[in-house]
Amino acid sequence: MTARATTGRSRPELITDAALALLVERGMRGLTHRAVDERAGLPQGSTSNYARTRQALLEATVRRLAEREARVLALDEMPAPTGGLDDIVGALAGVLHRHLTHHRELLVARYELGLEATRRPELRAFYDAAGRHHFREPLNALMSAAGSREPERHALSVVAWCEGLMFSCAAGSYHAAVPSEEELRKGFGELLRGMLGVPGGGAEGPAGT
């Protein structure tokens, strides 16, 4: 039987998921082709056949991480801004809380890869491109649709706020005190209403409507 038939994942997915798990368990030094084979339960040489070099393995792992995080965050499933800012705030709080409580291992893997990218210019370009496609562009579009006159700057502020929370909860001083979904909803509400000039609570539409 094939790897997909027995696990529901293709061999590339098995390999890159194993690489992500190793990053969480052992850090960057523990990520080797042999270790990935062992972690994935595949014959020796399988990872080398898929990704011949370390750079190729890192790129494939970044791509898989972006795919998995995009499924968790589901920015393309955000409600339409015409339903009111409260809907967007609630949806953002829900996906961030899900990420913090059920997928913190993806955050740890991302920090490992992000730090490695600071030492490998060729990985930096690949890492940034993956993040731009899966996260920055959808968030820019969401901010624009919500009424922002400076969607890229506002998207950066949202990303920076989320990144600070995610690092604090995954690897920082709040790792044992993850905010509740209601606390995240209040935080997103304060942030977005302040940026977009939408007063108070309630079911307002995009800023300026």
C-alpha atoms as a PDB file:
ATOM      1  CA  MET A   1       0.000   0.000   0.000  1.00  0.00           C
ATOM      2  CA  THR A   2       1.185   3.558  -0.656  1.00  0.00           C
ATOM      3  CA  ALA A   3       1.941   6.104   2.054  1.00  0.00           C
ATOM      4  CA  ARG A   4      -1.199   8.033   1.130  1.00  0.00           C
ATOM      5  CA  ALA A   5      -3.351   4.914   1.304  1.00  0.00           C
ATOM      6  CA  THR A   6      -2.140   4.036   4.799  1.00  0.00           C
ATOM      7  CA  THR A   7      -2.030   7.528   6.348  1.00  0.00           C
ATOM      8  CA  GLY A   8      -4.195   9.790   4.199  1.00  0.00           C
ATOM      9  CA  ARG A   9      -1.098  11.881   3.396  1.00  0.00           C
ATOM     10  CA  SER A  10       1.214  11.814   0.417  1.00  0.00           C
ATOM     11  CA  ARG A  11       4.883  10.971   0.887  1.00  0.00           C
ATOM     12  CA  PRO A  12       5.907  14.662   0.549  1.00  0.00           C
ATOM     13  CA  GLU A  13       3.360  15.515   3.243  1.00  0.00           C
ATOM     14  CA  LEU A  14       4.681  12.742   5.496  1.00  0.00           C
ATOM     15  CA  ILE A  15       8.214  14.025   5.024  1.00  0.00           C
ATOM     16  CA  THR A  16       7.468  17.687   5.651  1.00  0.00           C
ATOM     17  CA  ASP A  17       5.153  16.970   8.585  1.00  0.00           C
ATOM     18  CA  ALA A  18       7.953  14.892  10.101  1.00  0.00           C
ATOM     19  CA  ALA A  19      10.360  17.783   9.514  1.00  0.00           C
ATOM     20  CA  LEU A  20       8.002  20.157  11.329  1.00  0.00           C
ATOM     21  CA  ALA A  21       7.688  17.751  14.243  1.00  0.00           C
ATOM     22  CA  LEU A  22      11.469  17.477  14.488  1.00  0.00           C
ATOM     23  CA  LEU A  23      11.836  21.241  14.563  1.00  0.00           C
ATOM     24  CA  VAL A  24       9.481  21.365  17.530  1.00  0.00           C
ATOM     25  CA  GLU A  25      11.094  18.428  19.350  1.00  0.00           C
ATOM     26  CA  ARG A  26      14.785  18.982  18.619  1.00  0.00           C
ATOM     27  CA  GLY A  27      15.244  22.370  17.006  1.00  0.00           C
ATOM     28  CA  MET A  28      17.087  23.139  13.788  1.00  0.00           C
ATOM     29  CA  ARG A  29      20.088  20.977  14.681  1.00  0.00           C
ATOM     30  CA  GLY A  30      17.868  17.927  14.898  1.00  0.00           C
ATOM     31  CA  LEU A  31      16.530  18.382  11.368  1.00  0.00           C
ATOM     32  CA  THR A  32      18.468  15.963   9.165  1.00  0.00           C
ATOM     33  CA  HIS A  33      17.430  13.827   6.239  1.00  0.00           C
ATOM     34  CA  ARG A  34      18.049  10.653   8.218  1.00  0.00           C
ATOM     35  CA  ALA A  35      16.067  11.914  11.207  1.00  0.00           C
ATOM     36  CA  VAL A  36      13.132  12.845   8.953  1.00  0.00           C
ATOM     37  CA  ASP A  37      13.107   9.349   7.466  1.00  0.00           C
ATOM     38  CA  GLU A  38      13.039   7.835  10.950  1.00  0.00           C
ATOM     39  CA  ARG A  39      10.384  10.227  12.255  1.00  0.00           C
ATOM     40  CA  ALA A  40       8.169   9.627   9.207  1.00  0.00           C
ATOM     41  CA  GLY A  41       8.633   5.846   9.340  1.00  0.00           C
ATOM     42  CA  LEU A  42       9.994   5.780   5.796  1.00  0.00           C
ATOM     43  CA  PRO A  43      12.912   3.824   4.300  1.00  0.00           C
ATOM     44  CA  GLN A  44      16.301   5.493   4.593  1.00  0.00           C
ATOM     45  CA  GLY A  45      16.931   7.717   1.586  1.00  0.00           C
ATOM     46  CA  SER A  46      13.276   8.700   1.107  1.00  0.00           C
ATOM     47  CA  THR A  47      13.816  12.292   2.225  1.00  0.00           C
ATOM     48  CA  SER A  48      16.968  12.636   0.115  1.00  0.00           C
ATOM     49  CA  ASN A  49      15.065  11.419  -2.925  1.00  0.00           C
ATOM     50  CA  TYR A  50      12.383  14.060  -2.320  1.00  0.00           C
ATOM     51  CA  ALA A  51      14.626  16.950  -1.227  1.00  0.00           C
ATOM     52  CA  ARG A  52      18.237  16.383  -2.216  1.00  0.00           C
ATOM     53  CA  THR A  53      19.763  19.294  -0.314  1.00  0.00           C
ATOM     54  CA  ARG A  54      19.129  20.850   3.084  1.00  0.00           C
ATOM     55  CA  GLN A  55      17.932  24.007   1.369  1.00  0.00           C
ATOM     56  CA  ALA A  56      15.377  22.009  -0.620  1.00  0.00           C
ATOM     57  CA  LEU A  57      14.175  20.319   2.567  1.00  0.00           C
ATOM     58  CA  LEU A  58      13.844  23.659   4.356  1.00  0.00           C
ATOM     59  CA  GLU A  59      11.907  25.174   1.444  1.00  0.00           C
ATOM     60  CA  ALA A  60       9.535  22.210   1.336  1.00  0.00           C
ATOM     61  CA  THR A  61       9.043  22.463   5.091  1.00  0.00           C
ATOM     62  CA  VAL A  62       8.277  26.189   4.882  1.00  0.00           C
ATOM     63  CA  ARG A  63       5.742  25.493   2.146  1.00  0.00           C
ATOM     64  CA  ARG A  64       4.048  22.771   4.198  1.00  0.00           C
ATOM     65  CA  LEU A  65       3.994  24.995   7.298  1.00  0.00           C
ATOM     66  CA  ALA A  66       2.344  27.806   5.342  1.00  0.00           C
ATOM     67  CA  GLU A  67      -0.286  25.387   4.006  1.00  0.00           C
ATOM     68  CA  ARG A  68      -1.098  24.045   7.476  1.00  0.00           C
ATOM     69  CA  GLU A  69      -1.200  27.484   9.095  1.00  0.00           C
ATOM     70  CA  ALA A  70      -3.379  28.819   6.301  1.00  0.00           C
ATOM     71  CA  ARG A  71      -5.890  26.039   6.995  1.00  0.00           C
ATOM     72  CA  VAL A  72      -5.903  26.891  10.704  1.00  0.00           C
ATOM     73  CA  LEU A  73      -6.262  30.649  10.207  1.00  0.00           C
ATOM     74  CA  ALA A  74      -8.609  30.370   7.195  1.00  0.00           C
ATOM     75  CA  LEU A  75      -8.340  34.054   6.276  1.00  0.00           C
ATOM     76  CA  ASP A  76     -10.106  33.324   2.999  1.00  0.00           C
ATOM     77  CA  GLU A  77     -13.178  32.303   5.020  1.00  0.00           C
ATOM     78  CA  MET A  78     -13.499  35.581   6.903  1.00  0.00           C
ATOM     79  CA  PRO A  79     -17.040  37.031   6.849  1.00  0.00           C
ATOM     80  CA  ALA A  80     -17.828  39.844   4.453  1.00  0.00           C
ATOM     81  CA  PRO A  81     -17.171  43.297   5.958  1.00  0.00           C
ATOM     82  CA  THR A  82     -20.716  44.293   4.957  1.00  0.00           C
ATOM     83  CA  GLY A  83     -21.931  42.171   7.871  1.00  0.00           C
ATOM     84  CA  GLY A  84     -20.334  44.577  10.321  1.00  0.00           C
ATOM     85  CA  LEU A  85     -16.981  44.861  12.004  1.00  0.00           C
ATOM     86  CA  ASP A  86     -18.151  42.729  14.923  1.00  0.00           C
ATOM     87  CA  ASP A  87     -18.339  39.710  12.607  1.00  0.00           C
ATOM     88  CA  ILE A  88     -14.738  40.211  11.494  1.00  0.00           C
ATOM     89  CA  VAL A  89     -13.563  40.755  15.067  1.00  0.00           C
ATOM     90  CA  GLY A  90     -15.306  37.586  16.231  1.00  0.00           C
ATOM     91  CA  ALA A  91     -13.917  35.515  13.384  1.00  0.00           C
ATOM     92  CA  LEU A  92     -10.350  36.759  13.903  1.00  0.00           C
ATOM     93  CA  ALA A  93     -10.574  36.073  17.631  1.00  0.00           C
ATOM     94  CA  GLY A  94     -11.862  32.571  16.959  1.00  0.00           C
ATOM     95  CA  VAL A  95      -9.105  31.552  14.568  1.00  0.00           C
ATOM     96  CA  LEU A  96      -6.343  33.076  16.687  1.00  0.00           C
ATOM     97  CA  HIS A  97      -7.635  31.314  19.795  1.00  0.00           C
ATOM     98  CA  ARG A  98      -7.754  28.028  17.860  1.00  0.00           C
ATOM     99  CA  HIS A  99      -4.160  28.547  16.758  1.00  0.00           C
ATOM    100  CA  LEU A 100      -2.965  29.347  20.282  1.00  0.00           C
ATOM    101  CA  THR A 101      -4.767  26.491  21.996  1.00  0.00           C
ATOM    102  CA  HIS A 102      -4.617  23.636  19.483  1.00  0.00           C
ATOM    103  CA  HIS A 103      -1.747  24.368  17.087  1.00  0.00           C
ATOM    104  CA  ARG A 104       1.039  25.926  19.111  1.00  0.00           C
ATOM    105  CA  GLU A 105       3.500  23.417  17.667  1.00  0.00           C
ATOM    106  CA  LEU A 106       3.146  25.155  14.302  1.00  0.00           C
ATOM    107  CA  LEU A 107       4.187  28.423  15.907  1.00  0.00           C
ATOM    108  CA  VAL A 108       7.310  26.878  17.427  1.00  0.00           C
ATOM    109  CA  ALA A 109       8.241  25.401  14.047  1.00  0.00           C
ATOM    110  CA  ARG A 110       7.680  28.775  12.376  1.00  0.00           C
ATOM    111  CA  TYR A 111       9.980  30.538  14.817  1.00  0.00           C
ATOM    112  CA  GLU A 112      12.698  27.944  14.186  1.00  0.00           C
ATOM    113  CA  LEU A 113      12.389  28.447  10.432  1.00  0.00           C
ATOM    114  CA  GLY A 114      12.170  32.228  10.734  1.00  0.00           C
ATOM    115  CA  LEU A 115      15.384  32.382  12.743  1.00  0.00           C
ATOM    116  CA  GLU A 116      17.126  30.091  10.264  1.00  0.00           C
ATOM    117  CA  ALA A 117      15.977  32.389   7.464  1.00  0.00           C
ATOM    118  CA  THR A 118      17.886  35.263   9.076  1.00  0.00           C
ATOM    119  CA  ARG A 119      21.082  33.265   8.437  1.00  0.00           C
ATOM    120  CA  ARG A 120      20.171  31.952   4.970  1.00  0.00           C
ATOM    121  CA  PRO A 121      19.296  34.690   2.433  1.00  0.00           C
ATOM    122  CA  GLU A 122      18.034  32.084  -0.039  1.00  0.00           C
ATOM    123  CA  LEU A 123      15.594  30.766   2.582  1.00  0.00           C
ATOM    124  CA  ARG A 124      14.614  34.301   3.607  1.00  0.00           C
ATOM    125  CA  ALA A 125      13.220  35.051   0.167  1.00  0.00           C
ATOM    126  CA  PHE A 126      11.268  31.777   0.097  1.00  0.00           C
ATOM    127  CA  TYR A 127       9.976  32.218   3.659  1.00  0.00           C
ATOM    128  CA  ASP A 128       8.798  35.773   2.971  1.00  0.00           C
ATOM    129  CA  ALA A 129       7.096  34.772  -0.282  1.00  0.00           C
ATOM    130  CA  ALA A 130       5.144  31.996   1.449  1.00  0.00           C
ATOM    131  CA  GLY A 131       3.959  34.358   4.172  1.00  0.00           C
ATOM    132  CA  ARG A 132       3.005  37.048   1.680  1.00  0.00           C
ATOM    133  CA  HIS A 133       0.896  34.678  -0.418  1.00  0.00           C
ATOM    134  CA  HIS A 134      -0.910  32.897   2.425  1.00  0.00           C
ATOM    135  CA  PHE A 135      -1.310  35.686   4.984  1.00  0.00           C
ATOM    136  CA  ARG A 136      -0.302  39.219   4.049  1.00  0.00           C
ATOM    137  CA  GLU A 137      -2.213  39.495   0.776  1.00  0.00           C
ATOM    138  CA  PRO A 138      -5.511  38.097   2.174  1.00  0.00           C
ATOM    139  CA  LEU A 139      -5.209  40.355   5.235  1.00  0.00           C
ATOM    140  CA  ASN A 140      -4.500  43.391   3.065  1.00  0.00           C
ATOM    141  CA  ALA A 141      -7.640  42.596   1.074  1.00  0.00           C
ATOM    142  CA  LEU A 142      -9.657  42.168   4.282  1.00  0.00           C
ATOM    143  CA  MET A 143      -8.504  45.542   5.638  1.00  0.00           C
ATOM    144  CA  SER A 144      -9.307  47.223   2.342  1.00  0.00           C
ATOM    145  CA  ALA A 145     -12.793  45.692   2.233  1.00  0.00           C
ATOM    146  CA  ALA A 146     -13.366  46.741   5.855  1.00  0.00           C
ATOM    147  CA  GLY A 147     -12.894  50.375   4.845  1.00  0.00           C
ATOM    148  CA  SER A 148      -9.212  50.989   5.516  1.00  0.00           C
ATOM    149  CA  ARG A 149      -7.640  53.800   3.521  1.00  0.00           C
ATOM    150  CA  GLU A 150      -4.195  52.352   4.288  1.00  0.00           C
ATOM    151  CA  PRO A 151      -4.769  48.586   4.142  1.00  0.00           C
ATOM    152  CA  GLU A 152      -1.105  47.562   4.003  1.00  0.00           C
ATOM    153  CA  ARG A 153      -0.160  49.650   7.027  1.00  0.00           C
ATOM    154  CA  HIS A 154      -3.197  48.470   8.969  1.00  0.00           C
ATOM    155  CA  ALA A 155      -2.548  44.849   7.995  1.00  0.00           C
ATOM    156  CA  LEU A 156       0.992  45.243   9.334  1.00  0.00           C
ATOM    157  CA  SER A 157      -0.412  46.495  12.644  1.00  0.00           C
ATOM    158  CA  VAL A 158      -2.753  43.499  12.888  1.00  0.00           C
ATOM    159  CA  VAL A 159       0.076  41.092  12.045  1.00  0.00           C
ATOM    160  CA  ALA A 160       2.392  42.718  14.599  1.00  0.00           C
ATOM    161  CA  TRP A 161      -0.293  42.512  17.309  1.00  0.00           C
ATOM    162  CA  CYS A 162      -1.005  38.865  16.501  1.00  0.00           C
ATOM    163  CA  GLU A 163       2.680  37.956  16.275  1.00  0.00           C
ATOM    164  CA  GLY A 164       3.347  39.470  19.683  1.00  0.00           C
ATOM    165  CA  LEU A 165       0.537  37.459  21.217  1.00  0.00           C
ATOM    166  CA  MET A 166       1.528  34.252  19.459  1.00  0.00           C
ATOM    167  CA  PHE A 167       5.162  34.440  20.514  1.00  0.00           C
ATOM    168  CA  SER A 168       4.228  35.297  24.104  1.00  0.00           C
ATOM    169  CA  CYS A 169       1.816  32.358  24.277  1.00  0.00           C
ATOM    170  CA  ALA A 170       3.966  29.834  22.420  1.00  0.00           C
ATOM    171  CA  ALA A 171       7.432  30.613  23.728  1.00  0.00           C
ATOM    172  CA  GLY A 172       7.243  33.643  25.985  1.00  0.00           C
ATOM    173  CA  SER A 173       6.010  34.642  29.395  1.00  0.00           C
ATOM    174  CA  TYR A 174       2.331  33.887  28.649  1.00  0.00           C
ATOM    175  CA  HIS A 175       2.836  30.286  27.509  1.00  0.00           C
ATOM    176  CA  ALA A 176       0.800  29.082  30.498  1.00  0.00           C
ATOM    177  CA  ALA A 177      -1.823  31.849  30.340  1.00  0.00           C
ATOM    178  CA  VAL A 178      -3.369  31.874  26.865  1.00  0.00           C
ATOM    179  CA  PRO A 179      -6.029  34.610  26.544  1.00  0.00           C
ATOM    180  CA  SER A 180      -9.613  33.467  26.264  1.00  0.00           C
ATOM    181  CA  GLU A 181     -11.505  33.936  23.019  1.00  0.00           C
ATOM    182  CA  GLU A 182     -13.480  36.743  24.647  1.00  0.00           C
ATOM    183  CA  GLU A 183     -10.277  38.529  25.651  1.00  0.00           C
ATOM    184  CA  LEU A 184      -8.981  38.210  22.107  1.00  0.00           C
ATOM    185  CA  ARG A 185     -12.278  39.527  20.772  1.00  0.00           C
ATOM    186  CA  LYS A 186     -11.960  42.628  22.953  1.00  0.00           C
ATOM    187  CA  GLY A 187      -8.371  43.132  21.846  1.00  0.00           C
ATOM    188  CA  PHE A 188      -9.176  42.820  18.155  1.00  0.00           C
ATOM    189  CA  GLY A 189     -12.143  45.141  18.625  1.00  0.00           C
ATOM    190  CA  GLU A 190     -10.038  47.848  20.234  1.00  0.00           C
ATOM    191  CA  LEU A 191      -7.339  47.509  17.591  1.00  0.00           C
ATOM    192  CA  LEU A 192      -9.569  47.509  14.505  1.00  0.00           C
ATOM    193  CA  ARG A 193     -12.003  50.163  15.689  1.00  0.00           C
ATOM    194  CA  GLY A 194      -9.117  52.440  16.578  1.00  0.00           C
ATOM    195  CA  MET A 195      -7.459  51.981  13.181  1.00  0.00           C
ATOM    196  CA  LEU A 196     -10.617  52.169  11.095  1.00  0.00           C
ATOM    197  CA  GLY A 197     -12.286  54.952  13.054  1.00  0.00           C
ATOM    198  CA  VAL A 198     -15.344  52.901  13.994  1.00  0.00           C
ATOM    199  CA  PRO A 199     -16.731  53.987  17.385  1.00  0.00           C
ATOM    200  CA  GLY A 200     -18.005  51.736  20.135  1.00  0.00           C
ATOM    201  CA  GLY A 201     -19.441  48.239  19.681  1.00  0.00           C
ATOM    202  CA  GLY A 202     -22.536  47.021  17.911  1.00  0.00           C
ATOM    203  CA  ALA A 203     -23.044  45.980  14.339  1.00  0.00           C
ATOM    204  CA  GLU A 204     -21.410  48.799  12.421  1.00  0.00           C
ATOM    205  CA  GLY A 205     -20.469  48.334   8.832  1.00  0.00           C
ATOM    206  CA  PRO A 206     -17.102  49.332   7.351  1.00  0.00           C
ATOM    207  CA  ALA A 207     -15.634  52.616   8.554  1.00  0.00           C
ATOM    208  CA  GLY A 208     -17.334  55.592   7.079  1.00  0.00           C
ATOM    209  CA  THR A 209     -20.705  53.868   6.450  1.00  0.00           C
END
